[in-house]
Amino acid sequence: MLDNIPRFDMLAPPKRQHLMPLIWLLSFPEVIAHKNKLTKINMENIKPPYLLLCNHNAFMDFKVATKATFPHKVNYVVAIDGFWKREWLLRLIGCICKRKFTNDITLVRQLKRVIDRGDIAAIYPEARYSLCGTTAVLPESLGKLAKILRVPVVTLICHGHHVNSPFWNLPDHKVRGTEAEMKCLFNAEQIATLDYKQIMEGIEKEFQYDDYTWQKEKNIHITYKDRAKGLHKILYKCPACKTEYEMTSGGTTLCCEHCHKEWEMTELSELKAKTGETEFTHIPDWYEWERSEVRKEVENGTYGITLKAQVDALPNADRYIDIGMATLTHDMSGFTLSGSYNGEDYTVKLDAPSQYSVHIEYDYLGKKGDCVDLNTIRDTLYVYPEGKAFSVTKMALATEELYNFYKNKQ
């Protein structure tokens, strides 16, 4: 499939950052507008090179990182769709391309190049915007990467970016007083002496965050009139009647079209049932309940869905290629995508035990709807299921639960 189409050149060495004044000019005004408070911890005498690990909730994360690392040069790992139609610019400002959730030794070599020349290597290890403002799954290889690079590990954890611009409702909600902590988690001497598992444990502990809890603790009221719009994208299952895929949202209201129960999203982003019991006031609690429901299906061996889907390929940064309709199956074995392009049948299979998470999009590019993003080392496929009887959020949860299921069996 697409054998004659050139792929993105992953081997090209990352450039040092150029256009630094422009980067600062595009970053600082928004950081100032949101009255961001940056606190630095254990950063005395910590200079580049170092490995910077950042949590990921919104595009503003990058702008706060620019403030945190000023005036030093940084190379960021960015997904291939970030390079779409602007590869020259992304390369010029030092970005390193990656296909999401793939094991690619080339990336390690690129990061080593950045460190060896004395710059900051920045990674957003959750590899996607958090769906509900809490920690997304982290790759188990981070501890090993730190041992390979042998430089300080610094974390940058931002608060307020999700509630200001949730992945499911992107417009600026005008949150002021966002915060960030930049912390040297391990210095070079500690990296040299600690086991990679101990390093990983420290990173996982540092990455525990909850934007909705932060909002309530800071008593930040969000008056955005459409603050609940899109909430059904992550809260796809009704806790009252247990029906899936019939949730809707708009304005400040979340509703189940099956049993007609409604919940109000308050200015503190809490949920309150308009009638009857409020099953979950805290949005992440509802989300984690959905995860537990998916886990039951996985443990019972009953999880599975098959859908017709439209597929676009992104082999390089030039253009998306429409490769037509296909059949998408996600079940106990993982993802299987089968179709035909230019008279040639193809099958792409991603085995569940090898895939710890998956990238999804809501209303991607504002054109074709929700999609699941399947990646191999050579290809990135955006798969748009047809109909309403599915949730890409559930597919993401199931991917993580399937991985854990097979890992625990081993």
Protein backbone atom coordinates (compact mmCIF):
# COMPACT_ATOMS: atom_id res chain seq x y z
CA MET A 1 0.00 0.00 0.00
CA LEU A 2 1.36 3.42 -1.04
CA ASP A 3 4.68 1.78 -1.91
CA ASN A 4 5.54 4.49 -4.46
CA ILE A 5 4.89 7.38 -2.07
CA PRO A 6 7.98 8.75 -0.26
CA ARG A 7 7.88 8.56 3.54
CA PHE A 8 8.82 11.26 6.00
CA ASP A 9 12.59 11.35 6.48
CA MET A 10 12.95 10.31 10.10
CA LEU A 11 16.74 10.05 9.78
CA ALA A 12 17.41 13.73 9.01
CA PRO A 13 19.32 15.15 11.99
CA PRO A 14 17.29 17.63 14.06
CA LYS A 15 18.28 21.25 13.53
CA ARG A 16 19.13 23.56 16.39
CA GLN A 17 16.32 26.01 17.08
CA HIS A 18 16.19 29.04 14.82
CA LEU A 19 13.84 32.04 14.90
CA MET A 20 14.12 32.27 18.69
CA PRO A 21 12.78 35.86 18.92
CA LEU A 22 9.74 34.83 16.85
CA ILE A 23 9.15 31.80 19.09
CA TRP A 24 9.26 34.01 22.17
CA LEU A 25 6.98 36.59 20.54
CA LEU A 26 4.37 33.93 19.73
CA SER A 27 4.55 32.33 23.18
CA PHE A 28 4.87 34.96 25.88
CA PRO A 29 1.71 37.05 25.20
CA GLU A 30 -0.64 34.08 25.80
CA VAL A 31 1.31 32.97 28.86
CA ILE A 32 1.03 36.50 30.25
CA ALA A 33 -2.68 36.74 29.34
CA HIS A 34 -3.44 33.64 31.37
CA LYS A 35 -1.36 35.01 34.27
CA ASN A 36 0.74 31.87 34.42
CA LYS A 37 2.78 31.35 37.57
CA LEU A 38 5.94 29.29 37.05
CA THR A 39 7.66 27.75 40.06
CA LYS A 40 11.13 26.24 39.70
CA ILE A 41 12.21 23.50 42.12
CA ASN A 42 15.74 22.07 42.48
CA MET A 43 16.74 23.94 39.31
CA GLU A 44 19.71 25.78 40.83
CA ASN A 45 22.80 25.16 38.68
CA ILE A 46 20.81 22.98 36.24
CA LYS A 47 21.79 24.04 32.76
CA PRO A 48 21.38 22.33 29.38
CA PRO A 49 21.76 19.63 28.33
CA TYR A 50 18.89 17.88 30.09
CA LEU A 51 15.82 15.79 29.34
CA LEU A 52 12.58 17.75 29.79
CA LEU A 53 9.38 15.74 30.36
CA CYS A 54 6.13 17.73 30.13
CA ASN A 55 2.51 16.84 30.76
CA HIS A 56 0.13 17.49 27.87
CA ASN A 57 -3.30 19.11 28.02
CA ALA A 58 -3.40 21.85 25.38
CA PHE A 59 -1.26 23.74 22.88
CA MET A 60 -0.48 26.29 25.59
CA ASP A 61 1.80 23.64 27.13
CA PHE A 62 4.41 24.47 24.48
CA LYS A 63 4.21 28.18 25.24
CA VAL A 64 4.72 27.67 28.96
CA ALA A 65 7.66 25.38 28.13
CA THR A 66 9.15 28.25 26.11
CA LYS A 67 8.88 30.47 29.17
CA ALA A 68 10.33 27.77 31.44
CA THR A 69 13.37 27.07 29.26
CA PHE A 70 14.08 30.69 28.22
CA PRO A 71 16.55 31.59 26.78
CA HIS A 72 17.90 28.13 25.92
CA LYS A 73 17.41 26.11 22.75
CA VAL A 74 14.99 23.17 22.85
CA ASN A 75 14.19 20.31 20.48
CA TYR A 76 10.61 19.04 20.82
CA VAL A 77 9.31 15.64 19.76
CA VAL A 78 6.21 16.28 17.61
CA ALA A 79 3.76 13.90 15.88
CA ILE A 80 3.84 13.75 12.08
CA ASP A 81 0.51 15.58 11.65
CA GLY A 82 2.11 18.56 13.38
CA PHE A 83 4.46 18.77 10.37
CA TRP A 84 1.60 18.71 7.84
CA LYS A 85 2.11 21.46 5.23
CA ARG A 86 4.79 23.12 7.35
CA GLU A 87 7.67 20.68 7.54
CA TRP A 88 10.22 23.37 6.69
CA LEU A 89 9.06 25.50 9.61
CA LEU A 90 8.89 22.69 12.15
CA ARG A 91 12.36 21.50 11.19
CA LEU A 92 13.67 25.07 11.39
CA ILE A 93 12.47 25.47 14.96
CA GLY A 94 14.05 22.16 15.96
CA CYS A 95 11.14 19.73 16.05
CA ILE A 96 11.72 15.98 15.80
CA CYS A 97 9.07 13.90 14.03
CA LYS A 98 7.53 10.79 15.62
CA ARG A 99 4.72 8.42 14.67
CA LYS A 100 2.68 8.02 17.86
CA PHE A 101 2.88 4.89 20.03
CA THR A 102 5.49 3.15 17.92
CA ASN A 103 8.79 1.69 19.16
CA ASP A 104 11.33 3.63 17.14
CA ILE A 105 15.03 3.44 18.01
CA THR A 106 15.64 6.30 15.56
CA LEU A 107 14.04 8.72 18.02
CA VAL A 108 16.51 7.71 20.73
CA ARG A 109 19.41 8.48 18.36
CA GLN A 110 17.89 11.88 17.54
CA LEU A 111 17.49 12.76 21.20
CA LYS A 112 21.07 11.68 21.84
CA ARG A 113 22.22 14.09 19.12
CA VAL A 114 20.36 16.93 20.83
CA ILE A 115 21.91 16.13 24.22
CA ASP A 116 25.42 15.66 22.80
CA ARG A 117 25.40 19.18 21.33
CA GLY A 118 24.32 20.67 24.66
CA ASP A 119 20.63 21.44 24.13
CA ILE A 120 17.35 20.49 25.85
CA ALA A 121 15.48 17.42 24.58
CA ALA A 122 11.76 17.90 25.31
CA ILE A 123 9.20 15.10 25.25
CA TYR A 124 5.49 15.04 25.98
CA PRO A 125 5.49 11.36 27.01
CA GLU A 126 1.70 11.07 27.29
CA ALA A 127 1.83 11.49 23.48
CA ARG A 128 -1.60 13.12 23.26
CA TYR A 129 -3.70 15.72 25.00
CA SER A 130 -5.16 14.30 28.20
CA LEU A 131 -8.80 13.38 27.58
CA CYS A 132 -10.06 14.46 30.98
CA GLY A 133 -7.30 16.52 32.59
CA THR A 134 -5.65 13.63 34.42
CA THR A 135 -2.49 11.65 33.76
CA ALA A 136 -2.49 9.63 30.56
CA VAL A 137 -0.50 6.42 30.39
CA LEU A 138 3.29 6.83 30.20
CA PRO A 139 5.64 4.62 28.15
CA GLU A 140 7.59 2.18 30.29
CA SER A 141 10.77 3.02 28.37
CA LEU A 142 11.25 6.48 29.91
CA GLY A 143 13.51 5.18 32.66
CA LYS A 144 15.70 3.40 30.13
CA LEU A 145 15.84 6.54 27.96
CA ALA A 146 17.06 8.56 30.94
CA LYS A 147 19.82 6.00 31.56
CA ILE A 148 20.91 6.21 27.91
CA LEU A 149 21.04 10.02 27.84
CA ARG A 150 22.83 10.30 31.23
CA VAL A 151 21.74 13.90 31.88
CA PRO A 152 19.39 15.47 34.44
CA VAL A 153 15.70 14.66 34.12
CA VAL A 154 13.51 17.74 34.50
CA THR A 155 9.70 17.70 34.64
CA LEU A 156 7.29 20.47 33.70
CA ILE A 157 3.77 19.90 35.04
CA CYS A 158 1.19 22.49 34.01
CA HIS A 159 -2.15 23.10 35.71
CA GLY A 160 -5.20 24.81 34.24
CA HIS A 161 -4.58 24.15 30.56
CA HIS A 162 -7.16 21.37 30.30
CA VAL A 163 -9.98 23.25 32.01
CA ASN A 164 -9.10 26.29 29.91
CA SER A 165 -9.20 24.38 26.62
CA PRO A 166 -10.36 20.74 26.97
CA PHE A 167 -9.45 18.36 24.16
CA TRP A 168 -13.20 17.93 23.54
CA ASN A 169 -13.95 21.70 23.61
CA LEU A 170 -10.96 23.64 22.33
CA PRO A 171 -11.94 27.36 22.45
CA ASP A 172 -10.24 29.47 25.12
CA HIS A 173 -12.37 29.39 28.31
CA LYS A 174 -10.51 32.43 29.71
CA VAL A 175 -8.97 30.70 32.74
CA ARG A 176 -6.60 33.05 34.53
CA GLY A 177 -3.97 32.07 37.08
CA THR A 178 -2.67 28.92 35.44
CA GLU A 179 0.33 27.35 37.12
CA ALA A 180 3.36 25.24 36.29
CA GLU A 181 6.12 23.54 38.26
CA MET A 182 9.50 22.96 36.67
CA LYS A 183 11.48 20.50 38.76
CA CYS A 184 14.82 18.75 38.49
CA LEU A 185 13.62 15.29 39.38
CA PHE A 186 17.00 13.57 39.07
CA ASN A 187 20.44 15.09 38.54
CA ALA A 188 23.10 13.42 36.42
CA GLU A 189 24.73 11.73 39.41
CA GLN A 190 21.41 10.20 40.49
CA ILE A 191 20.71 9.00 36.96
CA ALA A 192 24.07 7.23 36.98
CA THR A 193 23.41 5.39 40.24
CA LEU A 194 19.67 4.63 40.12
CA ASP A 195 18.10 1.65 38.39
CA TYR A 196 15.90 2.53 35.40
CA LYS A 197 12.87 1.14 37.28
CA GLN A 198 13.49 3.55 40.15
CA ILE A 199 13.73 6.42 37.68
CA MET A 200 10.46 5.33 36.06
CA GLU A 201 8.74 5.17 39.44
CA GLY A 202 9.87 8.71 40.21
CA ILE A 203 8.59 10.00 36.85
CA GLU A 204 5.22 8.30 37.27
CA LYS A 205 4.81 9.77 40.75
CA GLU A 206 5.65 13.26 39.52
CA PHE A 207 3.14 13.00 36.65
CA GLN A 208 0.12 12.55 38.92
CA TYR A 209 -2.17 15.51 38.31
CA ASP A 210 -5.88 16.35 38.06
CA ASP A 211 -6.89 19.63 36.44
CA TYR A 212 -10.45 19.53 37.78
CA THR A 213 -9.26 19.07 41.36
CA TRP A 214 -6.80 21.92 40.80
CA GLN A 215 -9.61 24.16 39.52
CA LYS A 216 -11.78 23.50 42.57
CA GLU A 217 -8.88 23.99 44.99
CA LYS A 218 -8.14 27.36 43.36
CA ASN A 219 -11.87 28.22 43.26
CA ILE A 220 -11.65 29.23 39.60
CA HIS A 221 -15.09 29.79 38.08
CA ILE A 222 -15.47 29.24 34.34
CA THR A 223 -18.37 31.24 32.91
CA TYR A 224 -17.89 30.05 29.33
CA LYS A 225 -21.46 29.47 28.08
CA ASP A 226 -20.66 26.31 26.09
CA ARG A 227 -18.42 24.73 28.71
CA ALA A 228 -20.20 21.34 28.48
CA LYS A 229 -20.20 21.19 24.69
CA GLY A 230 -18.38 18.04 23.60
CA LEU A 231 -18.31 16.49 27.08
CA HIS A 232 -20.20 13.45 25.75
CA LYS A 233 -17.10 12.64 23.69
CA ILE A 234 -15.37 11.37 26.84
CA LEU A 235 -18.46 10.59 28.93
CA TYR A 236 -20.04 8.27 26.36
CA LYS A 237 -21.81 5.88 28.77
CA CYS A 238 -24.77 6.79 30.95
CA PRO A 239 -24.27 5.77 34.60
CA ALA A 240 -28.03 5.86 35.18
CA CYS A 241 -29.26 3.46 32.48
CA LYS A 242 -25.83 2.03 31.44
CA THR A 243 -26.51 2.81 27.75
CA GLU A 244 -23.50 3.56 25.54
CA TYR A 245 -23.14 6.01 22.66
CA GLU A 246 -26.36 7.94 23.32
CA MET A 247 -24.94 10.81 25.38
CA THR A 248 -25.16 14.36 24.00
CA SER A 249 -23.98 17.72 25.28
CA GLY A 250 -24.35 21.43 24.64
CA GLY A 251 -24.26 24.70 26.52
CA THR A 252 -23.82 23.68 30.16
CA THR A 253 -25.79 20.42 29.94
CA LEU A 254 -24.88 16.75 29.47
CA CYS A 255 -27.78 14.48 28.54
CA CYS A 256 -28.57 10.81 27.91
CA GLU A 257 -30.92 10.53 24.94
CA HIS A 258 -31.92 7.01 26.01
CA CYS A 259 -33.23 7.65 29.54
CA HIS A 260 -33.32 11.48 29.20
CA LYS A 261 -31.41 12.12 32.39
CA GLU A 262 -29.53 15.44 32.42
CA TRP A 263 -26.56 16.82 34.33
CA GLU A 264 -25.52 20.45 34.72
CA MET A 265 -21.83 21.37 34.46
CA THR A 266 -21.23 24.09 37.04
CA GLU A 267 -18.77 26.98 36.85
CA LEU A 268 -16.41 24.84 38.96
CA SER A 269 -16.71 22.03 36.35
CA GLU A 270 -18.65 19.81 38.74
CA LEU A 271 -21.60 17.75 37.52
CA LYS A 272 -25.01 17.93 39.18
CA ALA A 273 -27.98 15.81 38.11
CA LYS A 274 -31.03 17.94 37.32
CA THR A 275 -33.23 15.18 38.74
CA GLY A 276 -32.44 12.18 40.92
CA GLU A 277 -29.04 10.99 42.09
CA THR A 278 -25.80 12.62 40.99
CA GLU A 279 -23.71 9.54 40.21
CA PHE A 280 -20.45 11.44 39.66
CA THR A 281 -19.73 15.06 40.50
CA HIS A 282 -16.10 14.77 39.40
CA ILE A 283 -15.63 14.33 35.64
CA PRO A 284 -12.51 12.09 35.95
CA ASP A 285 -14.48 9.76 38.27
CA TRP A 286 -17.08 9.19 35.54
CA TYR A 287 -14.28 8.59 33.03
CA GLU A 288 -12.56 6.06 35.31
CA TRP A 289 -15.89 4.31 35.89
CA GLU A 290 -16.13 3.87 32.12
CA ARG A 291 -12.63 2.40 32.19
CA SER A 292 -13.72 -0.10 34.84
CA GLU A 293 -16.67 -1.08 32.66
CA VAL A 294 -14.34 -1.67 29.71
CA ARG A 295 -12.01 -3.66 31.95
CA LYS A 296 -14.86 -6.03 32.80
CA GLU A 297 -15.42 -6.70 29.08
CA VAL A 298 -11.72 -7.35 28.57
CA GLU A 299 -11.45 -9.67 31.57
CA ASN A 300 -14.55 -11.55 30.41
CA GLY A 301 -13.11 -11.84 26.90
CA THR A 302 -16.19 -10.16 25.42
CA TYR A 303 -14.73 -6.87 24.23
CA GLY A 304 -14.98 -6.29 20.49
CA ILE A 305 -16.41 -4.05 17.78
CA THR A 306 -16.35 -4.09 13.97
CA LEU A 307 -17.15 -1.00 11.91
CA LYS A 308 -16.96 0.31 8.38
CA ALA A 309 -14.59 3.25 8.22
CA GLN A 310 -13.12 5.87 5.93
CA VAL A 311 -9.31 5.87 5.95
CA ASP A 312 -6.80 8.64 5.23
CA ALA A 313 -3.06 7.98 5.14
CA LEU A 314 -0.31 10.44 6.05
CA PRO A 315 2.94 8.89 4.80
CA ASN A 316 4.74 12.25 4.82
CA ALA A 317 4.09 15.88 5.67
CA ASP A 318 2.79 16.84 2.22
CA ARG A 319 -0.80 15.61 2.10
CA TYR A 320 -3.41 13.22 3.44
CA ILE A 321 -4.25 10.49 0.95
CA ASP A 322 -7.81 9.17 0.82
CA ILE A 323 -7.47 5.38 0.54
CA GLY A 324 -11.20 4.70 0.67
CA MET A 325 -13.39 2.53 2.85
CA ALA A 326 -12.14 -0.30 5.02
CA THR A 327 -13.25 -2.58 7.84
CA LEU A 328 -11.98 -1.74 11.30
CA THR A 329 -12.06 -4.40 14.01
CA HIS A 330 -10.97 -3.79 17.57
CA ASP A 331 -11.22 -6.86 19.77
CA MET A 332 -9.26 -9.01 22.20
CA SER A 333 -6.45 -9.41 19.66
CA GLY A 334 -6.02 -5.68 19.01
CA PHE A 335 -6.69 -3.53 15.94
CA THR A 336 -7.19 -4.99 12.47
CA LEU A 337 -7.80 -2.73 9.48
CA SER A 338 -8.63 -4.43 6.18
CA GLY A 339 -9.33 -2.74 2.87
CA SER A 340 -8.34 -2.31 -0.73
CA TYR A 341 -6.51 0.55 -2.44
CA ASN A 342 -5.83 0.80 -6.17
CA GLY A 343 -6.95 -2.80 -6.62
CA GLU A 344 -4.57 -4.13 -3.97
CA ASP A 345 -5.87 -5.66 -0.73
CA TYR A 346 -4.16 -4.67 2.49
CA THR A 347 -4.35 -5.56 6.17
CA VAL A 348 -2.83 -3.58 9.02
CA LYS A 349 -2.73 -5.35 12.38
CA LEU A 350 -1.63 -3.91 15.70
CA ASP A 351 -1.49 -6.65 18.32
CA ALA A 352 -2.97 -5.79 21.71
CA PRO A 353 0.04 -6.98 23.79
CA SER A 354 2.34 -4.65 21.86
CA GLN A 355 0.24 -1.46 22.01
CA TYR A 356 0.04 0.27 25.38
CA SER A 357 -2.19 3.10 24.12
CA VAL A 358 -3.60 4.68 20.96
CA HIS A 359 -4.13 8.20 19.71
CA ILE A 360 -7.66 9.41 19.00
CA GLU A 361 -9.14 12.66 17.70
CA TYR A 362 -12.53 14.31 18.06
CA ASP A 363 -13.96 15.90 14.92
CA TYR A 364 -10.49 15.81 13.38
CA LEU A 365 -9.73 18.83 11.19
CA GLY A 366 -13.43 19.70 11.44
CA LYS A 367 -14.29 17.54 8.44
CA LYS A 368 -14.85 13.81 8.84
CA GLY A 369 -15.61 13.32 12.53
CA ASP A 370 -13.96 11.32 15.29
CA CYS A 371 -11.08 9.05 14.37
CA VAL A 372 -8.59 6.59 15.73
CA ASP A 373 -5.00 7.12 14.63
CA LEU A 374 -3.19 3.85 13.85
CA ASN A 375 0.57 4.00 13.38
CA THR A 376 3.30 1.74 12.10
CA ILE A 377 6.92 2.75 11.61
CA ARG A 378 6.16 3.63 7.96
CA ASP A 379 2.54 4.80 8.00
CA THR A 380 0.02 6.88 9.90
CA LEU A 381 -3.61 6.00 9.20
CA TYR A 382 -6.54 8.14 10.30
CA VAL A 383 -9.56 5.84 10.57
CA TYR A 384 -13.03 7.42 10.70
CA PRO A 385 -15.69 4.86 11.76
CA GLU A 386 -19.17 5.30 10.29
CA GLY A 387 -22.43 5.61 12.25
CA LYS A 388 -23.08 6.56 15.86
CA ALA A 389 -22.71 3.19 17.62
CA PHE A 390 -19.09 3.61 18.67
CA SER A 391 -16.79 5.76 20.77
CA VAL A 392 -13.12 6.35 20.00
CA THR A 393 -12.74 7.11 23.72
CA LYS A 394 -13.84 3.56 24.50
CA MET A 395 -11.34 2.25 21.93
CA ALA A 396 -8.58 4.19 23.68
CA LEU A 397 -9.60 2.85 27.09
CA ALA A 398 -9.87 -0.68 25.69
CA THR A 399 -6.40 -0.44 24.11
CA GLU A 400 -4.88 0.39 27.50
CA GLU A 401 -6.89 -2.25 29.35
CA LEU A 402 -6.04 -4.94 26.78
CA TYR A 403 -2.34 -4.14 27.13
CA ASN A 404 -2.56 -4.39 30.92
CA PHE A 405 -4.60 -7.60 30.68
CA TYR A 406 -1.93 -9.40 28.62
CA LYS A 407 0.90 -7.88 30.64
CA ASN A 408 -0.62 -9.16 33.88
CA LYS A 409 -1.17 -12.62 32.37
CA GLN A 410 2.55 -12.82 31.60
